[in-house]
Amino acid sequence: MAQILAKIHQDHRNYSDLLALLKSDVKFLKDGESPDFIRLYDIMNYMTNQPDVSHHPVEEFIFTTLKRKVSDLSPQLDSLSNEHR
């Protein structure tokens, strides 16, 4: 389970880095400059596709496993699961 949690944590750090790059490209647009449109496309493509392929299924696995082992957490885990949808 520690490896799975480490993967999820790394994914979240990667998403944060990508969002920072996206923010800088948006700043270029606001300033009337041209951003790196290829990078902009790649970030958006990755962020709209990759999480549903390899990140969210792992989180759902974690939620399901925890609910079985610690039933007291069910309401909170259901809430987290709903947020991800």
PDB file of N, CA and C in Angstrom:
ATOM      1  N   MET A   1       0.826  -1.196   0.000  1.00  0.00           N
ATOM      2  CA  MET A   1       0.000   0.000   0.000  1.00  0.00           C
ATOM      3  C   MET A   1       0.868   1.258   0.000  1.00  0.00           C
ATOM      4  N   ALA A   2       2.040   1.194   0.626  1.00  0.00           N
ATOM      5  CA  ALA A   2       2.921   2.368   0.678  1.00  0.00           C
ATOM      6  C   ALA A   2       3.342   2.800  -0.727  1.00  0.00           C
ATOM      7  N   GLN A   3       3.605   1.837  -1.605  1.00  0.00           N
ATOM      8  CA  GLN A   3       3.992   2.177  -2.984  1.00  0.00           C
ATOM      9  C   GLN A   3       2.839   2.842  -3.727  1.00  0.00           C
ATOM     10  N   ILE A   4       1.642   2.368  -3.483  1.00  0.00           N
ATOM     11  CA  ILE A   4       0.470   2.951  -4.136  1.00  0.00           C
ATOM     12  C   ILE A   4       0.268   4.393  -3.672  1.00  0.00           C
ATOM     13  N   LEU A   5       0.390   4.617  -2.371  1.00  0.00           N
ATOM     14  CA  LEU A   5       0.240   5.967  -1.843  1.00  0.00           C
ATOM     15  C   LEU A   5       1.344   6.886  -2.363  1.00  0.00           C
ATOM     16  N   ALA A   6       2.545   6.358  -2.495  1.00  0.00           N
ATOM     17  CA  ALA A   6       3.655   7.153  -3.043  1.00  0.00           C
ATOM     18  C   ALA A   6       3.361   7.541  -4.490  1.00  0.00           C
ATOM     19  N   LYS A   7       2.767   6.625  -5.264  1.00  0.00           N
ATOM     20  CA  LYS A   7       2.416   6.930  -6.649  1.00  0.00           C
ATOM     21  C   LYS A   7       1.363   8.039  -6.712  1.00  0.00           C
ATOM     22  N   ILE A   8       0.351   7.931  -5.878  1.00  0.00           N
ATOM     23  CA  ILE A   8      -0.706   8.942  -5.839  1.00  0.00           C
ATOM     24  C   ILE A   8      -0.119  10.300  -5.455  1.00  0.00           C
ATOM     25  N   HIS A   9       0.739  10.290  -4.459  1.00  0.00           N
ATOM     26  CA  HIS A   9       1.371  11.540  -4.022  1.00  0.00           C
ATOM     27  C   HIS A   9       2.210  12.147  -5.147  1.00  0.00           C
ATOM     28  N   GLN A  10       2.978  11.321  -5.834  1.00  0.00           N
ATOM     29  CA  GLN A  10       3.795  11.810  -6.951  1.00  0.00           C
ATOM     30  C   GLN A  10       2.910  12.343  -8.079  1.00  0.00           C
ATOM     31  N   ASP A  11       1.821  11.655  -8.359  1.00  0.00           N
ATOM     32  CA  ASP A  11       0.872  12.151  -9.375  1.00  0.00           C
ATOM     33  C   ASP A  11       0.391  13.551  -9.014  1.00  0.00           C
ATOM     34  N   HIS A  12       0.034  13.748  -7.749  1.00  0.00           N
ATOM     35  CA  HIS A  12      -0.469  15.053  -7.323  1.00  0.00           C
ATOM     36  C   HIS A  12       0.608  16.131  -7.455  1.00  0.00           C
ATOM     37  N   ARG A  13       1.849  15.787  -7.146  1.00  0.00           N
ATOM     38  CA  ARG A  13       2.952  16.749  -7.340  1.00  0.00           C
ATOM     39  C   ARG A  13       3.118  17.068  -8.824  1.00  0.00           C
ATOM     40  N   ASN A  14       3.034  16.039  -9.665  1.00  0.00           N
ATOM     41  CA  ASN A  14       3.164  16.259 -11.108  1.00  0.00           C
ATOM     42  C   ASN A  14       2.040  17.149 -11.629  1.00  0.00           C
ATOM     43  N   TYR A  15       0.825  16.907 -11.161  1.00  0.00           N
ATOM     44  CA  TYR A  15      -0.311  17.739 -11.592  1.00  0.00           C
ATOM     45  C   TYR A  15      -0.089  19.190 -11.160  1.00  0.00           C
ATOM     46  N   SER A  16       0.430  19.374  -9.972  1.00  0.00           N
ATOM     47  CA  SER A  16       0.714  20.720  -9.477  1.00  0.00           C
ATOM     48  C   SER A  16       1.741  21.421 -10.372  1.00  0.00           C
ATOM     49  N   ASP A  17       2.782  20.694 -10.753  1.00  0.00           N
ATOM     50  CA  ASP A  17       3.799  21.264 -11.655  1.00  0.00           C
ATOM     51  C   ASP A  17       3.197  21.631 -13.009  1.00  0.00           C
ATOM     52  N   LEU A  18       2.365  20.749 -13.531  1.00  0.00           N
ATOM     53  CA  LEU A  18       1.738  21.028 -14.826  1.00  0.00           C
ATOM     54  C   LEU A  18       0.799  22.230 -14.744  1.00  0.00           C
ATOM     55  N   LEU A  19       0.072  22.336 -13.644  1.00  0.00           N
ATOM     56  CA  LEU A  19      -0.825  23.482 -13.482  1.00  0.00           C
ATOM     57  C   LEU A  19      -0.042  24.786 -13.362  1.00  0.00           C
ATOM     58  N   ALA A  20       1.145  24.738 -12.756  1.00  0.00           N
ATOM     59  CA  ALA A  20       1.995  25.936 -12.685  1.00  0.00           C
ATOM     60  C   ALA A  20       2.454  26.341 -14.087  1.00  0.00           C
ATOM     61  N   LEU A  21       2.813  25.367 -14.915  1.00  0.00           N
ATOM     62  CA  LEU A  21       3.184  25.674 -16.308  1.00  0.00           C
ATOM     63  C   LEU A  21       2.001  26.254 -17.066  1.00  0.00           C
ATOM     64  N   LEU A  22       0.851  25.675 -16.853  1.00  0.00           N
ATOM     65  CA  LEU A  22      -0.367  26.158 -17.510  1.00  0.00           C
ATOM     66  C   LEU A  22      -0.649  27.603 -17.091  1.00  0.00           C
ATOM     67  N   LYS A  23      -0.477  27.876 -15.825  1.00  0.00           N
ATOM     68  CA  LYS A  23      -0.699  29.232 -15.311  1.00  0.00           C
ATOM     69  C   LYS A  23       0.250  30.225 -15.974  1.00  0.00           C
ATOM     70  N   SER A  24       1.496  29.822 -16.173  1.00  0.00           N
ATOM     71  CA  SER A  24       2.449  30.730 -16.831  1.00  0.00           C
ATOM     72  C   SER A  24       2.058  30.971 -18.286  1.00  0.00           C
ATOM     73  N   ASP A  25       1.542  29.952 -18.960  1.00  0.00           N
ATOM     74  CA  ASP A  25       1.090  30.137 -20.340  1.00  0.00           C
ATOM     75  C   ASP A  25      -0.125  31.055 -20.404  1.00  0.00           C
ATOM     76  N   VAL A  26      -1.016  30.943 -19.436  1.00  0.00           N
ATOM     77  CA  VAL A  26      -2.187  31.822 -19.387  1.00  0.00           C
ATOM     78  C   VAL A  26      -1.739  33.262 -19.150  1.00  0.00           C
ATOM     79  N   LYS A  27      -0.707  33.444 -18.328  1.00  0.00           N
ATOM     80  CA  LYS A  27      -0.176  34.792 -18.097  1.00  0.00           C
ATOM     81  C   LYS A  27       0.351  35.387 -19.403  1.00  0.00           C
ATOM     82  N   PHE A  28       1.044  34.576 -20.206  1.00  0.00           N
ATOM     83  CA  PHE A  28       1.508  35.060 -21.513  1.00  0.00           C
ATOM     84  C   PHE A  28       0.335  35.560 -22.338  1.00  0.00           C
ATOM     85  N   LEU A  29      -0.738  34.770 -22.361  1.00  0.00           N
ATOM     86  CA  LEU A  29      -1.921  35.168 -23.130  1.00  0.00           C
ATOM     87  C   LEU A  29      -2.500  36.485 -22.617  1.00  0.00           C
ATOM     88  N   LYS A  30      -2.604  36.621 -21.303  1.00  0.00           N
ATOM     89  CA  LYS A  30      -3.141  37.848 -20.711  1.00  0.00           C
ATOM     90  C   LYS A  30      -2.274  39.058 -21.051  1.00  0.00           C
ATOM     91  N   ASP A  31      -0.969  38.824 -21.137  1.00  0.00           N
ATOM     92  CA  ASP A  31      -0.034  39.909 -21.440  1.00  0.00           C
ATOM     93  C   ASP A  31       0.079  40.181 -22.940  1.00  0.00           C
ATOM     94  N   GLY A  32      -0.720  39.468 -23.734  1.00  0.00           N
ATOM     95  CA  GLY A  32      -0.699  39.679 -25.176  1.00  0.00           C
ATOM     96  C   GLY A  32       0.460  39.003 -25.890  1.00  0.00           C
ATOM     97  N   GLU A  33       1.127  38.094 -25.203  1.00  0.00           N
ATOM     98  CA  GLU A  33       2.248  37.363 -25.799  1.00  0.00           C
ATOM     99  C   GLU A  33       1.769  35.976 -26.235  1.00  0.00           C
ATOM    100  N   SER A  34       2.606  35.322 -27.008  1.00  0.00           N
ATOM    101  CA  SER A  34       2.263  33.973 -27.479  1.00  0.00           C
ATOM    102  C   SER A  34       2.864  32.927 -26.543  1.00  0.00           C
ATOM    103  N   PRO A  35       2.023  32.089 -25.975  1.00  0.00           N
ATOM    104  CA  PRO A  35       2.554  30.993 -25.163  1.00  0.00           C
ATOM    105  C   PRO A  35       3.055  29.879 -26.067  1.00  0.00           C
ATOM    106  N   ASP A  36       3.607  28.873 -25.455  1.00  0.00           N
ATOM    107  CA  ASP A  36       4.017  27.674 -26.192  1.00  0.00           C
ATOM    108  C   ASP A  36       2.743  26.842 -26.401  1.00  0.00           C
ATOM    109  N   PHE A  37       2.117  27.005 -27.561  1.00  0.00           N
ATOM    110  CA  PHE A  37       0.828  26.360 -27.805  1.00  0.00           C
ATOM    111  C   PHE A  37       0.926  24.832 -27.827  1.00  0.00           C
ATOM    112  N   ILE A  38       2.065  24.318 -28.237  1.00  0.00           N
ATOM    113  CA  ILE A  38       2.238  22.854 -28.232  1.00  0.00           C
ATOM    114  C   ILE A  38       2.260  22.355 -26.789  1.00  0.00           C
ATOM    115  N   ARG A  39       3.007  23.049 -25.930  1.00  0.00           N
ATOM    116  CA  ARG A  39       3.042  22.658 -24.520  1.00  0.00           C
ATOM    117  C   ARG A  39       1.657  22.813 -23.895  1.00  0.00           C
ATOM    118  N   LEU A  40       0.981  23.896 -24.235  1.00  0.00           N
ATOM    119  CA  LEU A  40      -0.366  24.137 -23.728  1.00  0.00           C
ATOM    120  C   LEU A  40      -1.296  22.990 -24.115  1.00  0.00           C
ATOM    121  N   TYR A  41      -1.234  22.590 -25.366  1.00  0.00           N
ATOM    122  CA  TYR A  41      -2.054  21.464 -25.833  1.00  0.00           C
ATOM    123  C   TYR A  41      -1.677  20.170 -25.096  1.00  0.00           C
ATOM    124  N   ASP A  42      -0.374  19.920 -24.984  1.00  0.00           N
ATOM    125  CA  ASP A  42       0.078  18.689 -24.328  1.00  0.00           C
ATOM    126  C   ASP A  42      -0.371  18.625 -22.870  1.00  0.00           C
ATOM    127  N   ILE A  43      -0.275  19.748 -22.164  1.00  0.00           N
ATOM    128  CA  ILE A  43      -0.704  19.775 -20.768  1.00  0.00           C
ATOM    129  C   ILE A  43      -2.203  19.501 -20.678  1.00  0.00           C
ATOM    130  N   MET A  44      -2.979  20.192 -21.484  1.00  0.00           N
ATOM    131  CA  MET A  44      -4.430  20.012 -21.433  1.00  0.00           C
ATOM    132  C   MET A  44      -4.833  18.582 -21.827  1.00  0.00           C
ATOM    133  N   ASN A  45      -4.181  18.055 -22.842  1.00  0.00           N
ATOM    134  CA  ASN A  45      -4.472  16.683 -23.268  1.00  0.00           C
ATOM    135  C   ASN A  45      -4.152  15.695 -22.143  1.00  0.00           C
ATOM    136  N   TYR A  46      -2.997  15.859 -21.537  1.00  0.00           N
ATOM    137  CA  TYR A  46      -2.591  14.982 -20.444  1.00  0.00           C
ATOM    138  C   TYR A  46      -3.551  15.094 -19.261  1.00  0.00           C
ATOM    139  N   MET A  47      -3.852  16.332 -18.863  1.00  0.00           N
ATOM    140  CA  MET A  47      -4.677  16.543 -17.672  1.00  0.00           C
ATOM    141  C   MET A  47      -6.129  16.096 -17.866  1.00  0.00           C
ATOM    142  N   THR A  48      -6.602  16.077 -19.099  1.00  0.00           N
ATOM    143  CA  THR A  48      -7.988  15.653 -19.316  1.00  0.00           C
ATOM    144  C   THR A  48      -8.110  14.161 -19.598  1.00  0.00           C
ATOM    145  N   ASN A  49      -7.010  13.488 -19.836  1.00  0.00           N
ATOM    146  CA  ASN A  49      -7.073  12.054 -20.155  1.00  0.00           C
ATOM    147  C   ASN A  49      -6.376  11.157 -19.139  1.00  0.00           C
ATOM    148  N   GLN A  50      -5.176  11.481 -18.743  1.00  0.00           N
ATOM    149  CA  GLN A  50      -4.372  10.597 -17.917  1.00  0.00           C
ATOM    150  C   GLN A  50      -4.999  10.278 -16.560  1.00  0.00           C
ATOM    151  N   PRO A  51      -5.541  11.246 -15.839  1.00  0.00           N
ATOM    152  CA  PRO A  51      -6.082  10.895 -14.518  1.00  0.00           C
ATOM    153  C   PRO A  51      -7.145   9.794 -14.557  1.00  0.00           C
ATOM    154  N   ASP A  52      -7.995   9.809 -15.566  1.00  0.00           N
ATOM    155  CA  ASP A  52      -9.042   8.786 -15.648  1.00  0.00           C
ATOM    156  C   ASP A  52      -8.498   7.420 -16.041  1.00  0.00           C
ATOM    157  N   VAL A  53      -7.325   7.397 -16.653  1.00  0.00           N
ATOM    158  CA  VAL A  53      -6.733   6.133 -17.095  1.00  0.00           C
ATOM    159  C   VAL A  53      -5.941   5.465 -15.977  1.00  0.00           C
ATOM    160  N   SER A  54      -5.096   6.232 -15.285  1.00  0.00           N
ATOM    161  CA  SER A  54      -4.214   5.562 -14.328  1.00  0.00           C
ATOM    162  C   SER A  54      -4.226   6.124 -12.916  1.00  0.00           C
ATOM    163  N   HIS A  55      -4.812   7.280 -12.714  1.00  0.00           N
ATOM    164  CA  HIS A  55      -4.774   7.872 -11.374  1.00  0.00           C
ATOM    165  C   HIS A  55      -6.055   7.594 -10.580  1.00  0.00           C
ATOM    166  N   HIS A  56      -7.183   7.973 -11.128  1.00  0.00           N
ATOM    167  CA  HIS A  56      -8.445   7.793 -10.408  1.00  0.00           C
ATOM    168  C   HIS A  56      -8.780   6.329 -10.104  1.00  0.00           C
ATOM    169  N   PRO A  57      -8.486   5.400 -11.008  1.00  0.00           N
ATOM    170  CA  PRO A  57      -8.739   3.992 -10.636  1.00  0.00           C
ATOM    171  C   PRO A  57      -7.937   3.547  -9.408  1.00  0.00           C
ATOM    172  N   VAL A  58      -6.728   4.056  -9.267  1.00  0.00           N
ATOM    173  CA  VAL A  58      -5.913   3.705  -8.104  1.00  0.00           C
ATOM    174  C   VAL A  58      -6.521   4.315  -6.844  1.00  0.00           C
ATOM    175  N   GLU A  59      -6.971   5.559  -6.942  1.00  0.00           N
ATOM    176  CA  GLU A  59      -7.625   6.179  -5.790  1.00  0.00           C
ATOM    177  C   GLU A  59      -8.886   5.426  -5.402  1.00  0.00           C
ATOM    178  N   GLU A  60      -9.666   5.010  -6.379  1.00  0.00           N
ATOM    179  CA  GLU A  60     -10.877   4.236  -6.080  1.00  0.00           C
ATOM    180  C   GLU A  60     -10.531   2.915  -5.403  1.00  0.00           C
ATOM    181  N   PHE A  61      -9.443   2.288  -5.836  1.00  0.00           N
ATOM    182  CA  PHE A  61      -8.970   1.060  -5.192  1.00  0.00           C
ATOM    183  C   PHE A  61      -8.644   1.329  -3.725  1.00  0.00           C
ATOM    184  N   ILE A  62      -7.965   2.436  -3.464  1.00  0.00           N
ATOM    185  CA  ILE A  62      -7.612   2.800  -2.089  1.00  0.00           C
ATOM    186  C   ILE A  62      -8.874   3.029  -1.260  1.00  0.00           C
ATOM    187  N   PHE A  63      -9.821   3.782  -1.812  1.00  0.00           N
ATOM    188  CA  PHE A  63     -11.062   4.054  -1.086  1.00  0.00           C
ATOM    189  C   PHE A  63     -11.795   2.759  -0.748  1.00  0.00           C
ATOM    190  N   THR A  64     -11.903   1.883  -1.721  1.00  0.00           N
ATOM    191  CA  THR A  64     -12.607   0.615  -1.525  1.00  0.00           C
ATOM    192  C   THR A  64     -11.916  -0.242  -0.471  1.00  0.00           C
ATOM    193  N   THR A  65     -10.597  -0.319  -0.559  1.00  0.00           N
ATOM    194  CA  THR A  65      -9.827  -1.122   0.397  1.00  0.00           C
ATOM    195  C   THR A  65      -9.965  -0.566   1.804  1.00  0.00           C
ATOM    196  N   LEU A  66      -9.853   0.749   1.937  1.00  0.00           N
ATOM    197  CA  LEU A  66      -9.981   1.361   3.262  1.00  0.00           C
ATOM    198  C   LEU A  66     -11.380   1.177   3.840  1.00  0.00           C
ATOM    199  N   LYS A  67     -12.407   1.284   2.997  1.00  0.00           N
ATOM    200  CA  LYS A  67     -13.775   1.103   3.482  1.00  0.00           C
ATOM    201  C   LYS A  67     -13.979  -0.299   4.043  1.00  0.00           C
ATOM    202  N   ARG A  68     -13.362  -1.291   3.394  1.00  0.00           N
ATOM    203  CA  ARG A  68     -13.488  -2.659   3.894  1.00  0.00           C
ATOM    204  C   ARG A  68     -12.776  -2.836   5.222  1.00  0.00           C
ATOM    205  N   LYS A  69     -11.628  -2.168   5.383  1.00  0.00           N
ATOM    206  CA  LYS A  69     -10.822  -2.367   6.581  1.00  0.00           C
ATOM    207  C   LYS A  69     -11.216  -1.449   7.736  1.00  0.00           C
ATOM    208  N   VAL A  70     -11.722  -0.259   7.414  1.00  0.00           N
ATOM    209  CA  VAL A  70     -12.070   0.721   8.447  1.00  0.00           C
ATOM    210  C   VAL A  70     -13.445   1.288   8.103  1.00  0.00           C
ATOM    211  N   SER A  71     -14.465   0.551   8.505  1.00  0.00           N
ATOM    212  CA  SER A  71     -15.823   0.936   8.107  1.00  0.00           C
ATOM    213  C   SER A  71     -16.248   2.292   8.649  1.00  0.00           C
ATOM    214  N   ASP A  72     -15.638   2.738   9.746  1.00  0.00           N
ATOM    215  CA  ASP A  72     -15.973   4.059  10.299  1.00  0.00           C
ATOM    216  C   ASP A  72     -15.653   5.196   9.328  1.00  0.00           C
ATOM    217  N   LEU A  73     -14.759   4.941   8.383  1.00  0.00           N
ATOM    218  CA  LEU A  73     -14.367   5.973   7.421  1.00  0.00           C
ATOM    219  C   LEU A  73     -15.275   6.023   6.189  1.00  0.00           C
ATOM    220  N   SER A  74     -16.234   5.135   6.121  1.00  0.00           N
ATOM    221  CA  SER A  74     -17.079   5.049   4.928  1.00  0.00           C
ATOM    222  C   SER A  74     -17.667   6.385   4.470  1.00  0.00           C
ATOM    223  N   PRO A  75     -18.267   7.175   5.340  1.00  0.00           N
ATOM    224  CA  PRO A  75     -18.853   8.441   4.869  1.00  0.00           C
ATOM    225  C   PRO A  75     -17.813   9.384   4.252  1.00  0.00           C
ATOM    226  N   GLN A  76     -16.655   9.487   4.889  1.00  0.00           N
ATOM    227  CA  GLN A  76     -15.608  10.360   4.362  1.00  0.00           C
ATOM    228  C   GLN A  76     -15.056   9.832   3.033  1.00  0.00           C
ATOM    229  N   LEU A  77     -14.881   8.539   2.947  1.00  0.00           N
ATOM    230  CA  LEU A  77     -14.366   7.944   1.716  1.00  0.00           C
ATOM    231  C   LEU A  77     -15.382   8.049   0.580  1.00  0.00           C
ATOM    232  N   ASP A  78     -16.656   7.890   0.915  1.00  0.00           N
ATOM    233  CA  ASP A  78     -17.696   8.087  -0.104  1.00  0.00           C
ATOM    234  C   ASP A  78     -17.678   9.523  -0.610  1.00  0.00           C
ATOM    235  N   SER A  79     -17.476  10.457   0.290  1.00  0.00           N
ATOM    236  CA  SER A  79     -17.407  11.867  -0.093  1.00  0.00           C
ATOM    237  C   SER A  79     -16.211  12.127  -1.007  1.00  0.00           C
ATOM    238  N   LEU A  80     -15.057  11.581  -0.663  1.00  0.00           N
ATOM    239  CA  LEU A  80     -13.867  11.730  -1.513  1.00  0.00           C
ATOM    240  C   LEU A  80     -14.093  11.110  -2.892  1.00  0.00           C
ATOM    241  N   SER A  81     -14.684   9.952  -2.896  1.00  0.00           N
ATOM    242  CA  SER A  81     -14.964   9.270  -4.163  1.00  0.00           C
ATOM    243  C   SER A  81     -15.885  10.107  -5.041  1.00  0.00           C
ATOM    244  N   ASN A  82     -16.914  10.684  -4.437  1.00  0.00           N
ATOM    245  CA  ASN A  82     -17.831  11.536  -5.182  1.00  0.00           C
ATOM    246  C   ASN A  82     -17.150  12.786  -5.717  1.00  0.00           C
ATOM    247  N   GLU A  83     -16.233  13.359  -4.945  1.00  0.00           N
ATOM    248  CA  GLU A  83     -15.494  14.535  -5.407  1.00  0.00           C
ATOM    249  C   GLU A  83     -14.679  14.215  -6.662  1.00  0.00           C
ATOM    250  N   HIS A  84     -14.134  13.014  -6.720  1.00  0.00           N
ATOM    251  CA  HIS A  84     -13.299  12.646  -7.865  1.00  0.00           C
ATOM    252  C   HIS A  84     -14.134  12.422  -9.128  1.00  0.00           C
ATOM    253  N   ARG A  85     -15.374  12.051  -8.961  1.00  0.00           N
ATOM    254  CA  ARG A  85     -16.236  11.883 -10.128  1.00  0.00           C
ATOM    255  C   ARG A  85     -16.521  13.233 -10.734  1.00  0.00           C
TER     256      ARG A  85
END
